[in-house]
Amino acid sequence: MTTMTMRTACSAAAILALGFGANAALADENDGLPEASIATSLNGGPDASARAALAAKGITYGINYIGETFTNSGGAKDGSIYQGRLEVFVDADLEKLAGLKGLTFHANGYQIHGKGLSDNLGGPLMAISSIEAEASTRLFELWLEQKFGERVSVRAGQLAVDSEFFTTETGGAFINSTFGWAGIWAADVPQGGNAYPLATPGARVQVDLTDALTFRAAIYNGSPANPNCEDPQACNDHGTDFRTQDDPFLVQEIEYKYNQAAKGGAKDGGYKGYKDFAPAPSGITSLPGTIKFGSWQHTQEFEAVNGSGKLFDANYGFYGSIDQQIYALPTDPTKGINVFARIAGAPTDRNAIDFYYDGGVVFSGFIPSRPDDSFGAGFAYAQISEDALAANEFDRKYESMAEVFYKAQIVPGLTIQPDLQYMWNPAASSDNDNAIYGGVRISVAY
């Protein structure tokens, strides 16, 4: 994979990482407002009546904007940037709207503008922002999901793998893209995979084996754009190529959740919503967490990265993650201290990155006067494979980065997030200096 392709791909990040993708699903059936919306501070907004009328028929929508500015010292050149992303999404409960039991619809798209910091840093493997992408107006996801009873669902349409796989809720608080769509996948999967801002046709099945154990698997078209294209975002510039003829990309994941909030909250015997708490939080063993294990396979031919010309029939990788609360505030156990860690690997002979890990910690609710603010610190490491080093595509053995942030909620749906990051060996190249860069993100959900 070329450096340009990796730089483009690394802007991918989980929808969860942006904190907006799940809002539609949480919309109130009475007023149609997402759970966190600035409209709640505006008496519902000027479209309150129309929104409520649509919600009564099963249709909800939202408009989100993220804008950020960053300045760097180091990398390839010093400089400053501004970039922004406007999102519009629509969700529909087709059972309520048309009597189609268990069927739902989702669509969202972006207007992306400005320019990211990647060029200033020399094309890092881990892009500094989860919204970084080429300026465009594009469709992202477009799908139908059918539920079969309470435990099985099938989703099909234009899908993004980073919406559901290899994600952590705590990692979603960070700005760097690698805490969403991990740098190893962005570098090793052709064209960076079907992750933000590129989705592909595919299908996903999910089975809740028990209340705590879930299995999900997906198959996607393996190239978001023409496989011969150097810049897939430019070749599929509006997200409407809908390619189905390329070799498939497959992902499987098993997820185990424990000590989760009881659906009925305290009325079902839980401590403020947690079913396994004692009368007061009694220690880490009673706090909620999530463990995931997964693998991926791509069935196209892969050329050896050492330049030998050897071909492999396919590519693959494995991963695991944990997301764990380690301290719950006595006054609100949904807040406190959460930690996460992820690890992934892939064969060294056909991949630029063969080992990756990240992790971090987020504190929330510790300032009595600002209970909805949070602070976090994280670190990520991407190891260049020995075979890629032998081909002289890279001359540094790794790229790594650290991030700290403070996220302040002004009102529900409006946050300001100062952010500081440091990167060692940007692009794993001696042409680039270690870099420090910082900025501010403003997020508005309506």
Protein backbone atom coordinates (compact mmCIF):
# COMPACT_ATOMS: atom_id res chain seq x y z
CA MET A 1 0.00 0.00 0.00
CA THR A 2 1.39 3.40 -0.91
CA THR A 3 2.09 6.13 1.63
CA MET A 4 -0.61 8.28 0.01
CA THR A 5 -3.19 5.54 0.39
CA MET A 6 -2.26 4.97 4.04
CA ARG A 7 -2.40 8.68 4.76
CA THR A 8 -5.85 8.92 3.19
CA ALA A 9 -7.10 5.79 4.93
CA CYS A 10 -5.89 6.77 8.38
CA SER A 11 -8.52 9.51 8.61
CA ALA A 12 -11.06 6.74 9.22
CA ALA A 13 -12.68 6.60 12.59
CA ALA A 14 -15.60 5.01 14.24
CA ILE A 15 -18.88 6.77 14.17
CA LEU A 16 -18.87 6.10 17.88
CA ALA A 17 -15.62 8.00 18.11
CA LEU A 18 -17.44 11.14 17.12
CA GLY A 19 -20.19 10.65 19.64
CA PHE A 20 -22.99 11.31 17.17
CA GLY A 21 -23.75 8.13 15.25
CA ALA A 22 -25.77 6.58 18.06
CA ASN A 23 -27.84 9.69 18.72
CA ALA A 24 -30.51 8.85 16.20
CA ALA A 25 -31.20 5.52 17.84
CA LEU A 26 -31.66 7.31 21.14
CA ALA A 27 -34.17 9.81 19.79
CA ASP A 28 -37.19 10.29 22.00
CA GLU A 29 -40.31 8.81 20.40
CA ASN A 30 -42.38 11.77 21.59
CA ASP A 31 -40.32 14.78 20.45
CA GLY A 32 -37.85 13.14 18.04
CA LEU A 33 -34.84 14.77 19.68
CA PRO A 34 -31.58 12.86 20.06
CA GLU A 35 -30.54 12.30 23.67
CA ALA A 36 -27.80 14.95 23.44
CA SER A 37 -29.11 17.81 21.30
CA ILE A 38 -28.72 21.55 21.56
CA ALA A 39 -32.40 21.73 20.62
CA THR A 40 -33.24 20.67 24.18
CA SER A 41 -31.95 24.10 25.25
CA LEU A 42 -33.95 25.86 22.52
CA ASN A 43 -37.44 24.65 23.44
CA GLY A 44 -37.09 22.00 20.76
CA GLY A 45 -35.94 24.42 18.06
CA PRO A 46 -37.93 26.04 15.25
CA ASP A 47 -38.83 22.64 13.80
CA ALA A 48 -40.08 21.17 17.09
CA SER A 49 -43.63 20.52 15.86
CA ALA A 50 -42.54 18.94 12.60
CA ARG A 51 -39.94 16.83 14.37
CA ALA A 52 -42.48 15.53 16.87
CA ALA A 53 -44.98 14.76 14.09
CA LEU A 54 -42.37 12.77 12.16
CA ALA A 55 -41.28 10.95 15.32
CA ALA A 56 -44.86 9.86 15.88
CA LYS A 57 -44.66 8.14 12.48
CA GLY A 58 -41.27 6.58 13.28
CA ILE A 59 -38.97 9.05 11.49
CA THR A 60 -36.18 10.88 13.30
CA TYR A 61 -33.35 13.02 11.97
CA GLY A 62 -30.42 15.08 13.16
CA ILE A 63 -27.85 17.61 12.05
CA ASN A 64 -24.36 17.58 13.55
CA TYR A 65 -21.37 19.83 13.03
CA ILE A 66 -17.76 19.38 14.10
CA GLY A 67 -15.22 22.14 13.51
CA GLU A 68 -11.63 22.17 14.69
CA THR A 69 -8.38 24.04 14.32
CA PHE A 70 -4.90 22.58 14.89
CA THR A 71 -1.37 23.96 14.86
CA ASN A 72 1.77 21.82 14.69
CA SER A 73 5.48 22.18 15.31
CA GLY A 74 7.63 19.42 13.82
CA GLY A 75 6.77 16.75 11.28
CA ALA A 76 7.47 17.84 7.70
CA LYS A 77 6.59 21.52 8.12
CA ASP A 78 5.02 23.80 10.71
CA GLY A 79 1.56 25.19 10.11
CA SER A 80 -2.08 25.57 11.09
CA ILE A 81 -5.31 24.21 9.65
CA TYR A 82 -9.08 24.40 10.01
CA GLN A 83 -11.39 21.58 9.02
CA GLY A 84 -15.07 20.93 9.51
CA ARG A 85 -17.73 18.33 8.88
CA LEU A 86 -21.49 18.74 8.62
CA GLU A 87 -23.53 15.56 9.01
CA VAL A 88 -27.21 14.94 8.28
CA PHE A 89 -28.78 11.62 9.30
CA VAL A 90 -32.23 10.06 9.04
CA ASP A 91 -33.57 6.98 10.83
CA ALA A 92 -36.94 5.33 10.33
CA ASP A 93 -38.82 2.69 12.26
CA LEU A 94 -40.55 0.99 9.34
CA GLU A 95 -42.74 -1.06 11.66
CA LYS A 96 -44.29 2.14 12.98
CA LEU A 97 -44.26 3.84 9.59
CA ALA A 98 -45.43 1.02 7.33
CA GLY A 99 -46.21 -2.00 9.50
CA LEU A 100 -43.01 -3.87 8.54
CA LYS A 101 -42.27 -5.66 11.79
CA GLY A 102 -38.69 -5.38 13.05
CA LEU A 103 -37.41 -3.38 10.06
CA THR A 104 -35.45 -0.11 10.41
CA PHE A 105 -33.72 2.25 7.98
CA HIS A 106 -30.69 4.50 8.36
CA ALA A 107 -28.89 6.96 6.10
CA ASN A 108 -26.31 9.65 6.71
CA GLY A 109 -24.04 11.88 4.67
CA TYR A 110 -21.35 14.52 5.10
CA GLN A 111 -20.25 17.86 3.79
CA ILE A 112 -16.52 17.92 4.57
CA HIS A 113 -14.47 21.08 4.17
CA GLY A 114 -11.07 22.48 5.06
CA LYS A 115 -7.84 20.53 5.21
CA GLY A 116 -6.34 18.20 7.81
CA LEU A 117 -2.87 18.25 9.34
CA SER A 118 -1.51 15.11 7.63
CA ASP A 119 0.56 16.95 5.01
CA ASN A 120 2.20 19.05 7.71
CA LEU A 121 3.25 15.91 9.57
CA GLY A 122 4.52 14.14 6.45
CA GLY A 123 1.67 11.64 6.03
CA PRO A 124 1.44 9.90 9.42
CA LEU A 125 0.06 6.39 9.72
CA MET A 126 -2.28 7.62 12.48
CA ALA A 127 -4.10 10.76 11.31
CA ILE A 128 -4.47 13.33 14.07
CA SER A 129 -8.23 13.78 13.68
CA SER A 130 -11.19 11.44 13.34
CA ILE A 131 -12.92 13.85 10.90
CA GLU A 132 -9.94 14.33 8.57
CA ALA A 133 -10.87 13.57 4.97
CA GLU A 134 -10.71 15.16 1.56
CA ALA A 135 -13.15 18.03 1.05
CA SER A 136 -16.33 16.64 -0.48
CA THR A 137 -20.06 16.18 -0.15
CA ARG A 138 -20.73 12.46 0.17
CA LEU A 139 -23.07 9.72 1.18
CA PHE A 140 -21.73 7.54 3.99
CA GLU A 141 -24.02 4.75 5.25
CA LEU A 142 -27.35 3.65 3.77
CA TRP A 143 -28.90 0.46 5.11
CA LEU A 144 -31.88 -1.59 6.21
CA GLU A 145 -31.83 -3.73 9.36
CA GLN A 146 -34.24 -6.57 10.03
CA LYS A 147 -34.66 -7.96 13.54
CA PHE A 148 -35.78 -11.54 14.05
CA GLY A 149 -37.15 -11.76 17.57
CA GLU A 150 -35.09 -10.19 20.35
CA ARG A 151 -31.69 -11.75 19.60
CA VAL A 152 -30.98 -11.81 15.86
CA SER A 153 -30.59 -8.96 13.38
CA VAL A 154 -29.35 -8.66 9.80
CA ARG A 155 -28.16 -5.36 8.34
CA ALA A 156 -27.55 -4.85 4.60
CA GLY A 157 -26.70 -1.92 2.37
CA GLN A 158 -23.88 0.61 2.24
CA LEU A 159 -21.95 -0.17 5.44
CA ALA A 160 -18.89 1.05 7.33
CA VAL A 161 -16.90 -1.54 9.30
CA ASP A 162 -15.81 1.01 11.91
CA SER A 163 -19.42 1.59 12.97
CA GLU A 164 -19.48 -1.73 14.85
CA PHE A 165 -16.18 -3.63 14.81
CA PHE A 166 -13.01 -3.16 16.93
CA THR A 167 -14.51 -0.18 18.76
CA THR A 168 -14.42 0.87 22.41
CA GLU A 169 -16.79 3.37 23.98
CA THR A 170 -14.02 4.95 26.08
CA GLY A 171 -11.67 5.25 23.11
CA GLY A 172 -14.40 7.13 21.28
CA ALA A 173 -13.76 10.18 23.48
CA PHE A 174 -10.40 10.87 21.78
CA ILE A 175 -9.78 12.95 18.64
CA ASN A 176 -6.93 11.04 16.98
CA SER A 177 -8.37 8.74 14.31
CA THR A 178 -6.43 5.69 15.46
CA PHE A 179 -8.53 5.35 18.63
CA GLY A 180 -11.47 4.65 16.33
CA TRP A 181 -10.29 3.02 13.10
CA ALA A 182 -6.96 1.59 14.31
CA GLY A 183 -3.87 2.54 12.33
CA ILE A 184 -3.01 -1.12 11.63
CA TRP A 185 -6.28 -1.67 9.76
CA ALA A 186 -6.02 1.65 7.95
CA ALA A 187 -2.56 0.66 6.68
CA ASP A 188 -3.07 -3.07 6.01
CA VAL A 189 -6.58 -3.32 4.54
CA PRO A 190 -6.70 -2.27 0.83
CA GLN A 191 -7.53 1.40 0.39
CA GLY A 192 -7.87 1.70 4.15
CA GLY A 193 -11.05 -0.37 4.21
CA ASN A 194 -14.69 0.67 4.25
CA ALA A 195 -14.23 3.12 7.12
CA TYR A 196 -14.91 6.85 7.41
CA PRO A 197 -15.38 8.54 5.03
CA LEU A 198 -15.84 5.54 2.69
CA ALA A 199 -18.46 2.80 3.02
CA THR A 200 -19.14 -0.16 0.73
CA PRO A 201 -22.02 -2.52 0.00
CA GLY A 202 -22.16 -5.37 2.48
CA ALA A 203 -24.15 -7.34 5.01
CA ARG A 204 -23.81 -7.91 8.76
CA VAL A 205 -25.46 -10.51 10.99
CA GLN A 206 -25.59 -10.14 14.78
CA VAL A 207 -26.72 -12.76 17.28
CA ASP A 208 -27.15 -12.11 21.00
CA LEU A 209 -26.25 -15.56 22.25
CA THR A 210 -27.09 -14.50 25.82
CA ASP A 211 -27.80 -11.19 27.54
CA ALA A 212 -24.03 -10.75 27.91
CA LEU A 213 -22.55 -12.54 24.88
CA THR A 214 -22.88 -11.30 21.27
CA PHE A 215 -21.49 -12.61 18.00
CA ARG A 216 -21.39 -10.49 14.86
CA ALA A 217 -19.92 -11.08 11.42
CA ALA A 218 -19.91 -9.10 8.20
CA ILE A 219 -18.95 -9.35 4.55
CA TYR A 220 -18.19 -6.23 2.53
CA ASN A 221 -17.06 -5.40 -0.96
CA GLY A 222 -13.31 -5.27 -0.43
CA SER A 223 -12.50 -1.98 -2.21
CA PRO A 224 -14.29 1.34 -1.57
CA ALA A 225 -13.14 2.54 -5.03
CA ASN A 226 -11.49 1.08 -8.12
CA PRO A 227 -8.67 -1.12 -6.74
CA ASN A 228 -6.21 0.53 -9.15
CA CYS A 229 -6.96 3.97 -7.76
CA GLU A 230 -4.21 5.65 -5.70
CA ASP A 231 -6.65 7.95 -3.89
CA PRO A 232 -9.97 6.18 -3.18
CA GLN A 233 -11.60 9.28 -1.72
CA ALA A 234 -10.98 11.15 -4.97
CA CYS A 235 -12.08 8.23 -7.16
CA ASN A 236 -15.26 7.62 -5.13
CA ASP A 237 -15.73 11.31 -4.46
CA HIS A 238 -19.42 11.26 -3.49
CA GLY A 239 -19.64 7.80 -1.88
CA THR A 240 -22.03 6.52 -4.53
CA ASP A 241 -19.90 4.02 -6.48
CA PHE A 242 -21.66 1.06 -4.78
CA ARG A 243 -19.01 -1.40 -5.96
CA THR A 244 -19.88 -5.10 -5.66
CA GLN A 245 -17.37 -6.76 -8.00
CA ASP A 246 -14.23 -6.72 -5.85
CA ASP A 247 -12.78 -9.46 -3.64
CA PRO A 248 -14.61 -9.51 -0.29
CA PHE A 249 -13.46 -8.24 3.09
CA LEU A 250 -14.76 -10.30 6.05
CA VAL A 251 -14.80 -9.54 9.79
CA GLN A 252 -15.94 -11.64 12.77
CA GLU A 253 -16.20 -10.55 16.41
CA ILE A 254 -17.32 -11.99 19.74
CA GLU A 255 -18.27 -9.52 22.48
CA TYR A 256 -18.80 -10.16 26.17
CA LYS A 257 -20.41 -7.46 28.32
CA TYR A 258 -20.66 -7.81 32.08
CA ASN A 259 -22.16 -5.83 34.97
CA GLN A 260 -24.20 -3.77 32.53
CA ALA A 261 -27.01 -1.40 33.42
CA ALA A 262 -30.32 -3.11 34.11
CA LYS A 263 -32.94 -2.15 31.54
CA GLY A 264 -35.38 -1.16 34.22
CA GLY A 265 -32.85 0.65 36.38
CA ALA A 266 -33.26 0.90 40.13
CA LYS A 267 -36.84 -0.35 40.04
CA ASP A 268 -35.48 -3.76 38.98
CA GLY A 269 -33.16 -3.91 41.98
CA GLY A 270 -30.10 -2.31 40.40
CA TYR A 271 -28.07 0.42 42.04
CA LYS A 272 -29.04 3.48 39.99
CA GLY A 273 -29.39 1.32 36.92
CA TYR A 274 -26.70 -1.33 37.42
CA LYS A 275 -27.99 -4.82 38.04
CA ASP A 276 -24.87 -6.31 39.63
CA PHE A 277 -23.96 -3.53 42.07
CA ALA A 278 -24.15 -4.13 45.81
CA PRO A 279 -26.01 -1.46 47.85
CA ALA A 280 -23.04 0.76 46.95
CA PRO A 281 -20.32 0.13 44.31
CA SER A 282 -18.09 -2.42 45.99
CA GLY A 283 -15.04 -2.60 43.74
CA ILE A 284 -13.79 -3.22 40.24
CA THR A 285 -15.27 -6.72 40.04
CA SER A 286 -18.78 -5.28 40.19
CA LEU A 287 -18.19 -2.51 37.62
CA PRO A 288 -19.26 -2.73 33.96
CA GLY A 289 -16.89 -3.73 31.19
CA THR A 290 -16.68 -5.12 27.67
CA ILE A 291 -14.23 -7.61 26.15
CA LYS A 292 -13.98 -8.26 22.40
CA PHE A 293 -12.02 -10.71 20.26
CA GLY A 294 -12.09 -10.70 16.49
CA SER A 295 -10.43 -11.41 13.18
CA TRP A 296 -10.52 -10.21 9.59
CA GLN A 297 -9.73 -11.69 6.19
CA HIS A 298 -9.33 -10.08 2.77
CA THR A 299 -9.45 -12.45 -0.17
CA GLN A 300 -7.68 -10.51 -2.90
CA GLU A 301 -4.06 -11.29 -3.83
CA PHE A 302 -1.46 -9.49 -1.70
CA GLU A 303 2.09 -8.81 -2.80
CA ALA A 304 4.96 -9.37 -0.36
CA VAL A 305 5.99 -6.04 1.18
CA ASN A 306 9.71 -6.86 0.96
CA GLY A 307 9.72 -6.23 -2.78
CA SER A 308 10.31 -9.86 -3.76
CA GLY A 309 7.21 -9.98 -5.94
CA LYS A 310 5.82 -13.03 -4.13
CA LEU A 311 2.02 -13.19 -4.10
CA PHE A 312 -0.26 -14.41 -1.32
CA ASP A 313 -3.81 -15.61 -1.88
CA ALA A 314 -5.25 -13.52 0.96
CA ASN A 315 -4.52 -11.42 4.04
CA TYR A 316 -5.76 -11.61 7.61
CA GLY A 317 -5.36 -10.27 11.13
CA PHE A 318 -6.51 -10.71 14.74
CA TYR A 319 -7.46 -8.29 17.51
CA GLY A 320 -8.73 -7.99 21.04
CA SER A 321 -9.92 -5.18 23.31
CA ILE A 322 -11.13 -4.42 26.81
CA ASP A 323 -13.14 -1.41 28.00
CA GLN A 324 -13.50 -1.32 31.78
CA GLN A 325 -14.81 1.07 34.41
CA ILE A 326 -12.41 0.97 37.37
CA TYR A 327 -14.08 3.54 39.63
CA ALA A 328 -17.69 4.67 39.89
CA LEU A 329 -18.73 7.92 41.51
CA PRO A 330 -20.94 7.15 44.54
CA THR A 331 -23.39 9.84 43.47
CA ASP A 332 -23.58 8.69 39.83
CA PRO A 333 -22.10 5.26 38.98
CA THR A 334 -22.37 5.96 35.25
CA LYS A 335 -19.41 8.32 35.73
CA GLY A 336 -15.96 7.88 37.23
CA ILE A 337 -12.80 6.38 35.71
CA ASN A 338 -12.83 4.22 32.58
CA VAL A 339 -9.85 2.56 30.91
CA PHE A 340 -9.48 0.76 27.58
CA ALA A 341 -6.82 -1.18 25.70
CA ARG A 342 -6.67 -2.77 22.24
CA ILE A 343 -4.11 -5.01 20.56
CA ALA A 344 -3.89 -6.29 16.98
CA GLY A 345 -1.53 -8.22 14.75
CA ALA A 346 -1.11 -9.25 11.10
CA PRO A 347 1.43 -11.27 9.07
CA THR A 348 4.72 -9.45 8.61
CA ASP A 349 5.31 -10.70 5.06
CA ARG A 350 2.34 -8.90 3.45
CA ASN A 351 1.60 -5.95 5.73
CA ALA A 352 3.21 -2.60 6.47
CA ILE A 353 2.18 -2.78 10.16
CA ASP A 354 2.35 -6.18 11.86
CA PHE A 355 1.71 -5.21 15.50
CA TYR A 356 -0.39 -2.47 17.09
CA TYR A 357 -1.69 -1.48 20.50
CA ASP A 358 -3.43 1.50 22.05
CA GLY A 359 -4.99 2.35 25.38
CA GLY A 360 -6.09 5.18 27.60
CA VAL A 361 -8.03 6.47 30.55
CA VAL A 362 -10.97 8.89 30.80
CA PHE A 363 -12.17 10.64 33.96
CA SER A 364 -15.73 12.01 34.06
CA GLY A 365 -17.95 13.71 36.60
CA PHE A 366 -15.21 14.69 39.05
CA ILE A 367 -15.90 18.45 39.03
CA PRO A 368 -19.11 18.98 41.05
CA SER A 369 -19.95 22.21 39.24
CA ARG A 370 -19.33 20.56 35.82
CA PRO A 371 -20.57 16.96 36.13
CA ASP A 372 -20.71 16.39 32.35
CA ASP A 373 -17.09 17.32 31.62
CA SER A 374 -14.36 14.73 31.02
CA PHE A 375 -10.59 14.48 30.80
CA GLY A 376 -8.57 11.80 29.05
CA ALA A 377 -5.09 10.59 28.16
CA GLY A 378 -4.19 7.92 25.60
CA PHE A 379 -1.27 6.31 23.77
CA ALA A 380 -0.97 4.32 20.53
CA TYR A 381 1.89 2.38 18.92
CA ALA A 382 2.16 1.00 15.37
CA GLN A 383 5.11 -1.30 14.59
CA ILE A 384 6.50 -1.46 11.06
CA SER A 385 7.00 -5.04 9.87
CA GLU A 386 10.53 -6.31 9.29
CA ASP A 387 9.66 -7.11 5.69
CA ALA A 388 8.47 -3.55 5.03
CA LEU A 389 11.68 -2.20 6.59
CA ALA A 390 13.70 -4.50 4.32
CA ALA A 391 12.03 -2.90 1.28
CA ASN A 392 13.18 0.57 2.47
CA GLU A 393 9.65 1.96 2.30
CA PHE A 394 10.14 2.98 5.93
CA ASP A 395 13.34 3.69 7.84
CA ARG A 396 11.92 3.86 11.34
CA LYS A 397 10.63 0.80 13.20
CA TYR A 398 7.48 2.39 14.56
CA GLU A 399 5.19 5.37 14.78
CA SER A 400 3.61 6.23 18.13
CA MET A 401 1.56 9.04 19.58
CA ALA A 402 0.09 10.33 22.83
CA GLU A 403 -3.00 12.49 23.35
CA VAL A 404 -4.54 14.41 26.23
CA PHE A 405 -7.84 16.30 26.12
CA TYR A 406 -10.42 18.11 28.22
CA LYS A 407 -14.00 17.99 26.97
CA ALA A 408 -16.35 20.63 28.35
CA GLN A 409 -20.11 20.42 27.85
CA ILE A 410 -21.51 23.92 27.49
CA VAL A 411 -25.11 22.70 27.16
CA PRO A 412 -26.40 19.28 26.05
CA GLY A 413 -25.38 18.93 22.40
CA LEU A 414 -22.62 21.56 22.50
CA THR A 415 -19.07 20.69 23.60
CA ILE A 416 -15.65 22.32 23.39
CA GLN A 417 -12.62 20.03 23.46
CA PRO A 418 -9.05 21.40 23.76
CA ASP A 419 -6.63 18.70 22.62
CA LEU A 420 -2.86 18.17 22.67
CA GLN A 421 -0.96 15.38 20.87
CA TYR A 422 2.66 14.34 20.40
CA MET A 423 3.91 11.98 17.70
CA TRP A 424 7.15 10.03 17.52
CA ASN A 425 8.47 9.14 14.03
CA PRO A 426 5.61 10.49 11.89
CA ALA A 427 5.12 8.17 8.89
CA ALA A 428 7.95 6.05 10.34
CA SER A 429 10.29 8.21 8.28
CA SER A 430 13.53 9.99 9.18
CA ASP A 431 12.43 12.79 6.82
CA ASN A 432 9.98 13.95 9.50
CA ASP A 433 10.79 15.32 12.94
CA ASN A 434 8.89 14.29 16.04
CA ALA A 435 5.87 16.59 16.22
CA ILE A 436 3.76 18.33 18.83
CA TYR A 437 0.39 19.72 17.82
CA GLY A 438 -2.66 21.04 19.56
CA GLY A 439 -6.02 22.53 18.86
CA VAL A 440 -9.67 22.90 19.80
CA ARG A 441 -12.71 20.98 18.56
CA ILE A 442 -16.26 22.34 18.78
CA SER A 443 -19.10 19.84 18.35
CA VAL A 444 -22.75 20.75 17.90
CA ALA A 445 -25.55 18.18 17.73
CA TYR A 446 -29.04 19.32 16.73
